[in-house]
Amino acid sequence: MAGQKKRAAVPRFVCNLANGQCWPAQPQQFYDQLDGPKLLVDFMVAQGENRHCEPIVPGLRSQRYDWLDTTLKHSA
């Protein structure tokens, strides 16, 4: 349609922290409103997540972020 801009389908990776204190429940709400490629990833206390930015599990975090690498390679 004339005058309308096409929206790009940008991949989104949303972290949901078990002990997230800043915005409880908001990661899920944000995820539910997104369209296009998306992934909601839970970081659980049993996996080493403890509070903001999952500082105890950098290896697990890096594995989870592999989704972005894979997704971006396929969309290029």
PDB file of N, CA and C in Angstrom:
ATOM      1  N   MET A   1       0.838  -1.198   0.000  1.00  0.00           N
ATOM      2  CA  MET A   1       0.000   0.000   0.000  1.00  0.00           C
ATOM      3  C   MET A   1       0.872   1.247   0.000  1.00  0.00           C
ATOM      4  N   ALA A   2       0.445   2.219  -0.733  1.00  0.00           N
ATOM      5  CA  ALA A   2       1.201   3.459  -0.826  1.00  0.00           C
ATOM      6  C   ALA A   2       1.212   4.185   0.512  1.00  0.00           C
ATOM      7  N   GLY A   3       2.386   4.715   0.872  1.00  0.00           N
ATOM      8  CA  GLY A   3       2.499   5.503   2.091  1.00  0.00           C
ATOM      9  C   GLY A   3       2.773   4.692   3.349  1.00  0.00           C
ATOM     10  N   GLN A   4       2.680   3.368   3.271  1.00  0.00           N
ATOM     11  CA  GLN A   4       2.950   2.556   4.450  1.00  0.00           C
ATOM     12  C   GLN A   4       4.373   2.014   4.388  1.00  0.00           C
ATOM     13  N   LYS A   5       5.021   2.034   5.520  1.00  0.00           N
ATOM     14  CA  LYS A   5       6.369   1.515   5.594  1.00  0.00           C
ATOM     15  C   LYS A   5       6.330   0.033   5.919  1.00  0.00           C
ATOM     16  N   LYS A   6       7.220  -0.699   5.311  1.00  0.00           N
ATOM     17  CA  LYS A   6       7.340  -2.123   5.606  1.00  0.00           C
ATOM     18  C   LYS A   6       8.166  -2.287   6.878  1.00  0.00           C
ATOM     19  N   ARG A   7       7.670  -3.103   7.802  1.00  0.00           N
ATOM     20  CA  ARG A   7       8.377  -3.337   9.046  1.00  0.00           C
ATOM     21  C   ARG A   7       9.309  -4.530   8.885  1.00  0.00           C
ATOM     22  N   ALA A   8      10.524  -4.368   9.355  1.00  0.00           N
ATOM     23  CA  ALA A   8      11.500  -5.454   9.295  1.00  0.00           C
ATOM     24  C   ALA A   8      11.234  -6.444  10.424  1.00  0.00           C
ATOM     25  N   ALA A   9      11.394  -7.710  10.130  1.00  0.00           N
ATOM     26  CA  ALA A   9      11.230  -8.754  11.139  1.00  0.00           C
ATOM     27  C   ALA A   9      12.577  -8.952  11.834  1.00  0.00           C
ATOM     28  N   VAL A  10      12.784  -8.228  12.903  1.00  0.00           N
ATOM     29  CA  VAL A  10      14.040  -8.276  13.641  1.00  0.00           C
ATOM     30  C   VAL A  10      13.952  -9.353  14.714  1.00  0.00           C
ATOM     31  N   PRO A  11      14.903 -10.280  14.751  1.00  0.00           N
ATOM     32  CA  PRO A  11      14.874 -11.311  15.793  1.00  0.00           C
ATOM     33  C   PRO A  11      15.038 -10.698  17.181  1.00  0.00           C
ATOM     34  N   ARG A  12      14.258 -11.213  18.120  1.00  0.00           N
ATOM     35  CA  ARG A  12      14.332 -10.713  19.498  1.00  0.00           C
ATOM     36  C   ARG A  12      14.586 -11.875  20.444  1.00  0.00           C
ATOM     37  N   PHE A  13      15.527 -11.670  21.355  1.00  0.00           N
ATOM     38  CA  PHE A  13      15.899 -12.644  22.374  1.00  0.00           C
ATOM     39  C   PHE A  13      15.538 -12.010  23.711  1.00  0.00           C
ATOM     40  N   VAL A  14      14.603 -12.594  24.417  1.00  0.00           N
ATOM     41  CA  VAL A  14      14.118 -12.020  25.672  1.00  0.00           C
ATOM     42  C   VAL A  14      14.524 -12.935  26.821  1.00  0.00           C
ATOM     43  N   CYS A  15      15.244 -12.386  27.795  1.00  0.00           N
ATOM     44  CA  CYS A  15      15.665 -13.142  28.974  1.00  0.00           C
ATOM     45  C   CYS A  15      14.620 -12.997  30.073  1.00  0.00           C
ATOM     46  N   ASN A  16      14.290 -14.117  30.669  1.00  0.00           N
ATOM     47  CA  ASN A  16      13.358 -14.131  31.793  1.00  0.00           C
ATOM     48  C   ASN A  16      14.101 -14.720  32.986  1.00  0.00           C
ATOM     49  N   LEU A  17      14.467 -13.870  33.924  1.00  0.00           N
ATOM     50  CA  LEU A  17      15.260 -14.291  35.075  1.00  0.00           C
ATOM     51  C   LEU A  17      14.358 -14.714  36.226  1.00  0.00           C
ATOM     52  N   ALA A  18      14.658 -15.876  36.801  1.00  0.00           N
ATOM     53  CA  ALA A  18      13.844 -16.406  37.891  1.00  0.00           C
ATOM     54  C   ALA A  18      13.765 -15.440  39.066  1.00  0.00           C
ATOM     55  N   ASN A  19      14.855 -14.780  39.375  1.00  0.00           N
ATOM     56  CA  ASN A  19      14.871 -13.826  40.482  1.00  0.00           C
ATOM     57  C   ASN A  19      14.955 -12.386  39.997  1.00  0.00           C
ATOM     58  N   GLY A  20      14.490 -12.144  38.795  1.00  0.00           N
ATOM     59  CA  GLY A  20      14.538 -10.781  38.274  1.00  0.00           C
ATOM     60  C   GLY A  20      13.738  -9.840  39.154  1.00  0.00           C
ATOM     61  N   GLN A  21      14.406  -8.871  39.721  1.00  0.00           N
ATOM     62  CA  GLN A  21      13.763  -7.964  40.671  1.00  0.00           C
ATOM     63  C   GLN A  21      13.241  -6.684  40.040  1.00  0.00           C
ATOM     64  N   CYS A  22      13.851  -6.279  38.961  1.00  0.00           N
ATOM     65  CA  CYS A  22      13.516  -4.964  38.399  1.00  0.00           C
ATOM     66  C   CYS A  22      12.148  -4.930  37.744  1.00  0.00           C
ATOM     67  N   TRP A  23      11.832  -5.958  36.958  1.00  0.00           N
ATOM     68  CA  TRP A  23      10.583  -5.953  36.201  1.00  0.00           C
ATOM     69  C   TRP A  23       9.917  -7.324  36.239  1.00  0.00           C
ATOM     70  N   PRO A  24       9.426  -7.756  37.391  1.00  0.00           N
ATOM     71  CA  PRO A  24       8.809  -9.092  37.448  1.00  0.00           C
ATOM     72  C   PRO A  24       7.643  -9.207  36.462  1.00  0.00           C
ATOM     73  N   ALA A  25       7.580 -10.312  35.758  1.00  0.00           N
ATOM     74  CA  ALA A  25       6.520 -10.652  34.789  1.00  0.00           C
ATOM     75  C   ALA A  25       6.610  -9.869  33.484  1.00  0.00           C
ATOM     76  N   GLN A  26       7.396  -8.831  33.414  1.00  0.00           N
ATOM     77  CA  GLN A  26       7.452  -8.044  32.187  1.00  0.00           C
ATOM     78  C   GLN A  26       8.119  -8.750  31.019  1.00  0.00           C
ATOM     79  N   PRO A  27       9.131  -9.602  31.219  1.00  0.00           N
ATOM     80  CA  PRO A  27       9.691 -10.290  30.050  1.00  0.00           C
ATOM     81  C   PRO A  27       8.630 -11.084  29.283  1.00  0.00           C
ATOM     82  N   GLN A  28       7.770 -11.791  29.983  1.00  0.00           N
ATOM     83  CA  GLN A  28       6.723 -12.574  29.322  1.00  0.00           C
ATOM     84  C   GLN A  28       5.726 -11.659  28.617  1.00  0.00           C
ATOM     85  N   GLN A  29       5.348 -10.563  29.261  1.00  0.00           N
ATOM     86  CA  GLN A  29       4.403  -9.618  28.658  1.00  0.00           C
ATOM     87  C   GLN A  29       4.990  -9.005  27.394  1.00  0.00           C
ATOM     88  N   PHE A  30       6.257  -8.642  27.445  1.00  0.00           N
ATOM     89  CA  PHE A  30       6.944  -8.067  26.287  1.00  0.00           C
ATOM     90  C   PHE A  30       6.997  -9.083  25.155  1.00  0.00           C
ATOM     91  N   TYR A  31       7.406 -10.321  25.481  1.00  0.00           N
ATOM     92  CA  TYR A  31       7.500 -11.394  24.503  1.00  0.00           C
ATOM     93  C   TYR A  31       6.163 -11.627  23.811  1.00  0.00           C
ATOM     94  N   ASP A  32       5.087 -11.643  24.576  1.00  0.00           N
ATOM     95  CA  ASP A  32       3.760 -11.910  24.024  1.00  0.00           C
ATOM     96  C   ASP A  32       3.331 -10.859  23.003  1.00  0.00           C
ATOM     97  N   GLN A  33       3.871  -9.659  23.092  1.00  0.00           N
ATOM     98  CA  GLN A  33       3.483  -8.584  22.181  1.00  0.00           C
ATOM     99  C   GLN A  33       4.345  -8.523  20.922  1.00  0.00           C
ATOM    100  N   LEU A  34       5.409  -9.297  20.875  1.00  0.00           N
ATOM    101  CA  LEU A  34       6.311  -9.260  19.729  1.00  0.00           C
ATOM    102  C   LEU A  34       5.795 -10.104  18.573  1.00  0.00           C
ATOM    103  N   ASP A  35       6.157  -9.695  17.367  1.00  0.00           N
ATOM    104  CA  ASP A  35       5.904 -10.530  16.197  1.00  0.00           C
ATOM    105  C   ASP A  35       7.258 -10.874  15.584  1.00  0.00           C
ATOM    106  N   GLY A  36       7.267 -11.718  14.609  1.00  0.00           N
ATOM    107  CA  GLY A  36       8.520 -12.108  13.970  1.00  0.00           C
ATOM    108  C   GLY A  36       9.272 -13.126  14.788  1.00  0.00           C
ATOM    109  N   PRO A  37      10.510 -13.403  14.379  1.00  0.00           N
ATOM    110  CA  PRO A  37      11.299 -14.406  15.090  1.00  0.00           C
ATOM    111  C   PRO A  37      11.605 -13.940  16.504  1.00  0.00           C
ATOM    112  N   LYS A  38      11.338 -14.815  17.466  1.00  0.00           N
ATOM    113  CA  LYS A  38      11.552 -14.437  18.863  1.00  0.00           C
ATOM    114  C   LYS A  38      11.803 -15.684  19.692  1.00  0.00           C
ATOM    115  N   LEU A  39      12.465 -15.483  20.827  1.00  0.00           N
ATOM    116  CA  LEU A  39      12.729 -16.573  21.751  1.00  0.00           C
ATOM    117  C   LEU A  39      12.710 -16.021  23.162  1.00  0.00           C
ATOM    118  N   LEU A  40      11.933 -16.650  24.021  1.00  0.00           N
ATOM    119  CA  LEU A  40      11.908 -16.314  25.447  1.00  0.00           C
ATOM    120  C   LEU A  40      12.698 -17.394  26.164  1.00  0.00           C
ATOM    121  N   VAL A  41      13.728 -16.991  26.888  1.00  0.00           N
ATOM    122  CA  VAL A  41      14.605 -17.944  27.562  1.00  0.00           C
ATOM    123  C   VAL A  41      14.539 -17.717  29.063  1.00  0.00           C
ATOM    124  N   ASP A  42      14.201 -18.782  29.772  1.00  0.00           N
ATOM    125  CA  ASP A  42      14.165 -18.739  31.228  1.00  0.00           C
ATOM    126  C   ASP A  42      15.541 -19.089  31.781  1.00  0.00           C
ATOM    127  N   PHE A  43      16.028 -18.280  32.682  1.00  0.00           N
ATOM    128  CA  PHE A  43      17.238 -18.575  33.427  1.00  0.00           C
ATOM    129  C   PHE A  43      16.789 -18.905  34.846  1.00  0.00           C
ATOM    130  N   MET A  44      17.010 -20.148  35.258  1.00  0.00           N
ATOM    131  CA  MET A  44      16.495 -20.639  36.531  1.00  0.00           C
ATOM    132  C   MET A  44      17.590 -20.663  37.600  1.00  0.00           C
ATOM    133  N   VAL A  45      17.179 -20.559  38.854  1.00  0.00           N
ATOM    134  CA  VAL A  45      18.110 -20.586  39.974  1.00  0.00           C
ATOM    135  C   VAL A  45      18.907 -21.896  39.978  1.00  0.00           C
ATOM    136  N   ALA A  46      18.251 -23.011  39.679  1.00  0.00           N
ATOM    137  CA  ALA A  46      18.928 -24.314  39.663  1.00  0.00           C
ATOM    138  C   ALA A  46      20.045 -24.371  38.620  1.00  0.00           C
ATOM    139  N   GLN A  47      19.980 -23.501  37.612  1.00  0.00           N
ATOM    140  CA  GLN A  47      21.015 -23.455  36.573  1.00  0.00           C
ATOM    141  C   GLN A  47      22.133 -22.483  36.940  1.00  0.00           C
ATOM    142  N   GLY A  48      21.956 -21.750  38.031  1.00  0.00           N
ATOM    143  CA  GLY A  48      22.975 -20.802  38.474  1.00  0.00           C
ATOM    144  C   GLY A  48      22.560 -19.354  38.369  1.00  0.00           C
ATOM    145  N   GLU A  49      21.380 -19.085  37.857  1.00  0.00           N
ATOM    146  CA  GLU A  49      20.912 -17.694  37.772  1.00  0.00           C
ATOM    147  C   GLU A  49      20.606 -17.208  39.177  1.00  0.00           C
ATOM    148  N   ASN A  50      21.099 -16.052  39.498  1.00  0.00           N
ATOM    149  CA  ASN A  50      20.805 -15.464  40.796  1.00  0.00           C
ATOM    150  C   ASN A  50      20.829 -13.949  40.674  1.00  0.00           C
ATOM    151  N   ARG A  51      19.698 -13.410  40.391  1.00  0.00           N
ATOM    152  CA  ARG A  51      19.487 -11.962  40.289  1.00  0.00           C
ATOM    153  C   ARG A  51      19.795 -11.433  38.896  1.00  0.00           C
ATOM    154  N   HIS A  52      20.096 -10.169  38.812  1.00  0.00           N
ATOM    155  CA  HIS A  52      20.203  -9.426  37.559  1.00  0.00           C
ATOM    156  C   HIS A  52      21.351  -9.901  36.669  1.00  0.00           C
ATOM    157  N   CYS A  53      21.094 -10.108  35.414  1.00  0.00           N
ATOM    158  CA  CYS A  53      22.071 -10.392  34.351  1.00  0.00           C
ATOM    159  C   CYS A  53      22.754 -11.743  34.470  1.00  0.00           C
ATOM    160  N   GLU A  54      22.145 -12.676  35.179  1.00  0.00           N
ATOM    161  CA  GLU A  54      22.668 -14.039  35.311  1.00  0.00           C
ATOM    162  C   GLU A  54      24.195 -14.101  35.396  1.00  0.00           C
ATOM    163  N   PRO A  55      24.816 -13.427  36.394  1.00  0.00           N
ATOM    164  CA  PRO A  55      26.280 -13.338  36.466  1.00  0.00           C
ATOM    165  C   PRO A  55      26.990 -14.654  36.737  1.00  0.00           C
ATOM    166  N   ILE A  56      26.319 -15.620  37.311  1.00  0.00           N
ATOM    167  CA  ILE A  56      26.969 -16.869  37.689  1.00  0.00           C
ATOM    168  C   ILE A  56      27.039 -17.847  36.524  1.00  0.00           C
ATOM    169  N   VAL A  57      26.265 -17.641  35.490  1.00  0.00           N
ATOM    170  CA  VAL A  57      26.180 -18.616  34.402  1.00  0.00           C
ATOM    171  C   VAL A  57      26.604 -18.052  33.042  1.00  0.00           C
ATOM    172  N   PRO A  58      27.805 -17.479  32.927  1.00  0.00           N
ATOM    173  CA  PRO A  58      28.182 -16.912  31.629  1.00  0.00           C
ATOM    174  C   PRO A  58      28.239 -17.959  30.524  1.00  0.00           C
ATOM    175  N   GLY A  59      28.632 -19.195  30.836  1.00  0.00           N
ATOM    176  CA  GLY A  59      28.670 -20.245  29.813  1.00  0.00           C
ATOM    177  C   GLY A  59      27.283 -20.571  29.298  1.00  0.00           C
ATOM    178  N   LEU A  60      26.318 -20.700  30.214  1.00  0.00           N
ATOM    179  CA  LEU A  60      24.936 -20.970  29.832  1.00  0.00           C
ATOM    180  C   LEU A  60      24.373 -19.803  29.028  1.00  0.00           C
ATOM    181  N   ARG A  61      24.667 -18.603  29.477  1.00  0.00           N
ATOM    182  CA  ARG A  61      24.193 -17.408  28.758  1.00  0.00           C
ATOM    183  C   ARG A  61      24.735 -17.413  27.332  1.00  0.00           C
ATOM    184  N   SER A  62      26.014 -17.735  27.166  1.00  0.00           N
ATOM    185  CA  SER A  62      26.612 -17.762  25.832  1.00  0.00           C
ATOM    186  C   SER A  62      25.951 -18.820  24.954  1.00  0.00           C
ATOM    187  N   GLN A  63      25.641 -19.985  25.526  1.00  0.00           N
ATOM    188  CA  GLN A  63      24.951 -21.024  24.761  1.00  0.00           C
ATOM    189  C   GLN A  63      23.582 -20.544  24.315  1.00  0.00           C
ATOM    190  N   ARG A  64      22.885 -19.874  25.194  1.00  0.00           N
ATOM    191  CA  ARG A  64      21.550 -19.383  24.853  1.00  0.00           C
ATOM    192  C   ARG A  64      21.621 -18.334  23.761  1.00  0.00           C
ATOM    193  N   TYR A  65      22.657 -17.501  23.799  1.00  0.00           N
ATOM    194  CA  TYR A  65      22.795 -16.449  22.783  1.00  0.00           C
ATOM    195  C   TYR A  65      23.150 -17.022  21.418  1.00  0.00           C
ATOM    196  N   ASP A  66      23.545 -18.287  21.351  1.00  0.00           N
ATOM    197  CA  ASP A  66      23.813 -18.913  20.055  1.00  0.00           C
ATOM    198  C   ASP A  66      22.586 -18.845  19.143  1.00  0.00           C
ATOM    199  N   TRP A  67      21.400 -18.786  19.740  1.00  0.00           N
ATOM    200  CA  TRP A  67      20.171 -18.661  18.949  1.00  0.00           C
ATOM    201  C   TRP A  67      20.247 -17.424  18.062  1.00  0.00           C
ATOM    202  N   LEU A  68      20.775 -16.323  18.606  1.00  0.00           N
ATOM    203  CA  LEU A  68      20.887 -15.098  17.813  1.00  0.00           C
ATOM    204  C   LEU A  68      21.838 -15.298  16.642  1.00  0.00           C
ATOM    205  N   ASP A  69      22.971 -15.922  16.902  1.00  0.00           N
ATOM    206  CA  ASP A  69      23.933 -16.168  15.814  1.00  0.00           C
ATOM    207  C   ASP A  69      23.276 -16.979  14.693  1.00  0.00           C
ATOM    208  N   THR A  70      22.634 -18.061  15.069  1.00  0.00           N
ATOM    209  CA  THR A  70      21.982 -18.938  14.091  1.00  0.00           C
ATOM    210  C   THR A  70      20.886 -18.204  13.341  1.00  0.00           C
ATOM    211  N   THR A  71      20.052 -17.484  14.066  1.00  0.00           N
ATOM    212  CA  THR A  71      18.923 -16.783  13.463  1.00  0.00           C
ATOM    213  C   THR A  71      19.395 -15.678  12.525  1.00  0.00           C
ATOM    214  N   LEU A  72      20.398 -14.933  12.941  1.00  0.00           N
ATOM    215  CA  LEU A  72      20.897 -13.841  12.102  1.00  0.00           C
ATOM    216  C   LEU A  72      21.584 -14.370  10.837  1.00  0.00           C
ATOM    217  N   LYS A  73      22.271 -15.498  10.944  1.00  0.00           N
ATOM    218  CA  LYS A  73      22.909 -16.084   9.760  1.00  0.00           C
ATOM    219  C   LYS A  73      21.860 -16.526   8.733  1.00  0.00           C
ATOM    220  N   HIS A  74      20.744 -17.056   9.221  1.00  0.00           N
ATOM    221  CA  HIS A  74      19.683 -17.514   8.308  1.00  0.00           C
ATOM    222  C   HIS A  74      18.902 -16.368   7.692  1.00  0.00           C
ATOM    223  N   SER A  75      18.895 -15.208   8.355  1.00  0.00           N
ATOM    224  CA  SER A  75      18.111 -14.092   7.823  1.00  0.00           C
ATOM    225  C   SER A  75      18.952 -13.190   6.920  1.00  0.00           C
ATOM    226  N   ALA A  76      20.259 -13.414   6.881  1.00  0.00           N
ATOM    227  CA  ALA A  76      21.138 -12.560   6.075  1.00  0.00           C
ATOM    228  C   ALA A  76      21.055 -12.897   4.595  1.00  0.00           C
TER     229      ALA A  76
END
